[in-house]
N, C-alpha and C. Protein backbone atom coordinates (compact mmCIF):
# COMPACT_ATOMS: atom_id res chain seq x y z
N PHE A 1 14.26 1.93 -6.01
CA PHE A 1 13.65 2.04 -7.32
C PHE A 1 14.48 3.05 -8.08
N THR A 2 15.07 2.66 -9.17
CA THR A 2 16.01 3.52 -9.89
C THR A 2 15.41 4.30 -11.03
N GLU A 3 14.16 4.03 -11.35
CA GLU A 3 13.50 4.78 -12.45
C GLU A 3 12.19 5.35 -11.95
N THR A 4 11.66 6.29 -12.68
CA THR A 4 10.39 6.89 -12.32
C THR A 4 9.29 5.83 -12.49
N PRO A 5 8.49 5.57 -11.46
CA PRO A 5 7.45 4.56 -11.59
C PRO A 5 6.39 4.98 -12.60
N ALA A 6 5.90 3.99 -13.34
CA ALA A 6 4.82 4.25 -14.31
C ALA A 6 3.44 4.17 -13.67
N SER A 7 3.36 3.45 -12.55
CA SER A 7 2.09 3.38 -11.78
C SER A 7 2.46 3.07 -10.33
N ILE A 8 1.59 3.50 -9.41
CA ILE A 8 1.84 3.26 -7.99
C ILE A 8 0.53 2.92 -7.29
N ALA A 9 0.66 2.21 -6.21
CA ALA A 9 -0.46 1.98 -5.28
C ALA A 9 -0.02 2.55 -3.95
N ILE A 10 -0.91 3.31 -3.30
CA ILE A 10 -0.63 3.89 -2.00
C ILE A 10 -1.65 3.30 -1.03
N ILE A 11 -1.15 2.58 -0.02
CA ILE A 11 -2.00 1.83 0.89
C ILE A 11 -1.85 2.42 2.30
N PRO A 12 -2.93 2.88 2.91
CA PRO A 12 -2.82 3.44 4.28
C PRO A 12 -2.55 2.36 5.31
N MET A 13 -1.70 2.71 6.29
CA MET A 13 -1.45 1.84 7.44
C MET A 13 -2.31 2.41 8.55
N ARG A 14 -3.23 1.59 9.07
CA ARG A 14 -4.19 2.07 10.03
C ARG A 14 -4.28 1.18 11.28
N GLY A 15 -4.51 1.85 12.39
CA GLY A 15 -4.90 1.21 13.64
C GLY A 15 -6.18 1.95 14.02
N LYS A 16 -6.12 2.62 15.15
CA LYS A 16 -7.27 3.49 15.51
C LYS A 16 -7.26 4.74 14.63
N GLU A 17 -6.10 5.10 14.14
CA GLU A 17 -5.94 6.19 13.17
C GLU A 17 -4.84 5.82 12.17
N THR A 18 -4.75 6.55 11.10
CA THR A 18 -3.72 6.28 10.10
C THR A 18 -2.36 6.65 10.66
N PHE A 19 -1.38 5.75 10.53
CA PHE A 19 -0.04 6.04 11.07
C PHE A 19 1.05 5.98 10.01
N GLY A 20 0.67 5.76 8.76
CA GLY A 20 1.68 5.73 7.68
C GLY A 20 1.04 5.21 6.42
N VAL A 21 1.85 5.07 5.38
CA VAL A 21 1.42 4.53 4.11
C VAL A 21 2.46 3.55 3.57
N LEU A 22 2.01 2.60 2.83
CA LEU A 22 2.85 1.66 2.11
C LEU A 22 2.71 2.03 0.64
N VAL A 23 3.84 2.32 0.00
CA VAL A 23 3.83 2.74 -1.40
C VAL A 23 4.44 1.63 -2.24
N LEU A 24 3.68 1.16 -3.24
CA LEU A 24 4.13 0.11 -4.12
C LEU A 24 4.32 0.69 -5.54
N PRO A 25 5.54 0.94 -5.97
CA PRO A 25 5.77 1.48 -7.32
C PRO A 25 5.92 0.33 -8.34
N SER A 26 5.62 0.64 -9.57
CA SER A 26 5.81 -0.35 -10.64
C SER A 26 6.28 0.36 -11.91
N ALA A 27 7.16 -0.30 -12.62
CA ALA A 27 7.62 0.20 -13.93
C ALA A 27 6.58 -0.03 -15.01
N HIS A 28 5.58 -0.86 -14.73
CA HIS A 28 4.56 -1.19 -15.71
C HIS A 28 3.38 -0.21 -15.58
N PRO A 29 3.02 0.51 -16.63
CA PRO A 29 1.97 1.53 -16.52
C PRO A 29 0.58 0.97 -16.21
N THR A 30 0.33 -0.29 -16.45
CA THR A 30 -1.00 -0.85 -16.18
C THR A 30 -1.03 -1.76 -14.97
N ARG A 31 0.05 -1.78 -14.17
CA ARG A 31 0.08 -2.63 -12.99
C ARG A 31 -0.99 -2.16 -11.98
N PHE A 32 -1.06 -0.84 -11.75
CA PHE A 32 -2.07 -0.23 -10.86
C PHE A 32 -2.77 0.84 -11.67
N TYR A 33 -4.10 0.86 -11.63
CA TYR A 33 -4.86 1.85 -12.39
C TYR A 33 -6.16 2.15 -11.60
N PRO A 34 -6.77 3.32 -11.86
CA PRO A 34 -7.90 3.78 -11.05
C PRO A 34 -9.10 2.82 -10.96
N GLY A 35 -9.42 2.10 -12.01
CA GLY A 35 -10.58 1.20 -11.99
C GLY A 35 -10.29 -0.18 -11.45
N MET A 36 -9.08 -0.39 -10.96
CA MET A 36 -8.66 -1.71 -10.48
C MET A 36 -9.31 -2.07 -9.17
N GLY A 37 -9.60 -3.33 -8.97
CA GLY A 37 -10.14 -3.79 -7.70
C GLY A 37 -9.09 -3.59 -6.60
N THR A 38 -9.55 -3.32 -5.39
CA THR A 38 -8.61 -3.00 -4.33
C THR A 38 -8.65 -4.01 -3.16
N MET A 39 -9.41 -5.08 -3.27
CA MET A 39 -9.56 -6.01 -2.17
C MET A 39 -8.21 -6.57 -1.72
N PHE A 40 -7.36 -7.00 -2.65
CA PHE A 40 -6.06 -7.56 -2.32
C PHE A 40 -5.16 -6.52 -1.68
N LEU A 41 -5.12 -5.32 -2.25
CA LEU A 41 -4.29 -4.24 -1.71
C LEU A 41 -4.77 -3.83 -0.32
N THR A 42 -6.09 -3.80 -0.11
CA THR A 42 -6.63 -3.50 1.21
C THR A 42 -6.19 -4.53 2.22
N ARG A 43 -6.24 -5.78 1.84
CA ARG A 43 -5.84 -6.86 2.76
C ARG A 43 -4.36 -6.76 3.11
N ILE A 44 -3.52 -6.45 2.10
CA ILE A 44 -2.09 -6.23 2.40
C ILE A 44 -1.94 -5.13 3.42
N GLY A 45 -2.68 -4.03 3.28
CA GLY A 45 -2.62 -2.93 4.23
C GLY A 45 -3.01 -3.37 5.63
N GLU A 46 -4.06 -4.18 5.73
CA GLU A 46 -4.51 -4.67 7.03
C GLU A 46 -3.45 -5.55 7.70
N LEU A 47 -2.87 -6.45 6.91
CA LEU A 47 -1.86 -7.37 7.46
C LEU A 47 -0.58 -6.65 7.89
N VAL A 48 -0.10 -5.74 7.04
CA VAL A 48 1.10 -5.00 7.38
C VAL A 48 0.85 -4.10 8.58
N SER A 49 -0.32 -3.45 8.63
CA SER A 49 -0.68 -2.60 9.76
C SER A 49 -0.67 -3.40 11.07
N ALA A 50 -1.33 -4.54 11.04
CA ALA A 50 -1.41 -5.36 12.25
C ALA A 50 -0.03 -5.81 12.71
N SER A 51 0.83 -6.15 11.77
CA SER A 51 2.20 -6.55 12.14
C SER A 51 2.97 -5.40 12.75
N LEU A 52 2.89 -4.24 12.15
CA LEU A 52 3.64 -3.08 12.66
C LEU A 52 3.09 -2.57 14.00
N LEU A 53 1.78 -2.65 14.20
CA LEU A 53 1.19 -2.17 15.45
C LEU A 53 1.67 -2.95 16.66
N ARG A 54 2.05 -4.19 16.49
CA ARG A 54 2.59 -4.99 17.59
C ARG A 54 3.88 -4.36 18.11
N TYR A 55 4.65 -3.73 17.23
CA TYR A 55 5.91 -3.11 17.65
C TYR A 55 5.76 -1.66 18.06
N ILE A 56 4.74 -1.01 17.54
CA ILE A 56 4.51 0.41 17.86
C ILE A 56 3.90 0.56 19.23
N ASN A 57 2.91 -0.30 19.57
CA ASN A 57 2.20 -0.18 20.84
C ASN A 57 2.90 -0.87 21.98
């Protein structure tokens, strides 16, 4: 990312405990905002976590 992001989403990577975060930056100021629904972002976190845990454990 070559410019300062205007908005970001930070998604925890979890198994039995949190083991990292996935950060999604955007140049668009309204891409991610506090009142936004999080169901899709939560699901992304679950899928990425499950995929990574296969290699960690």
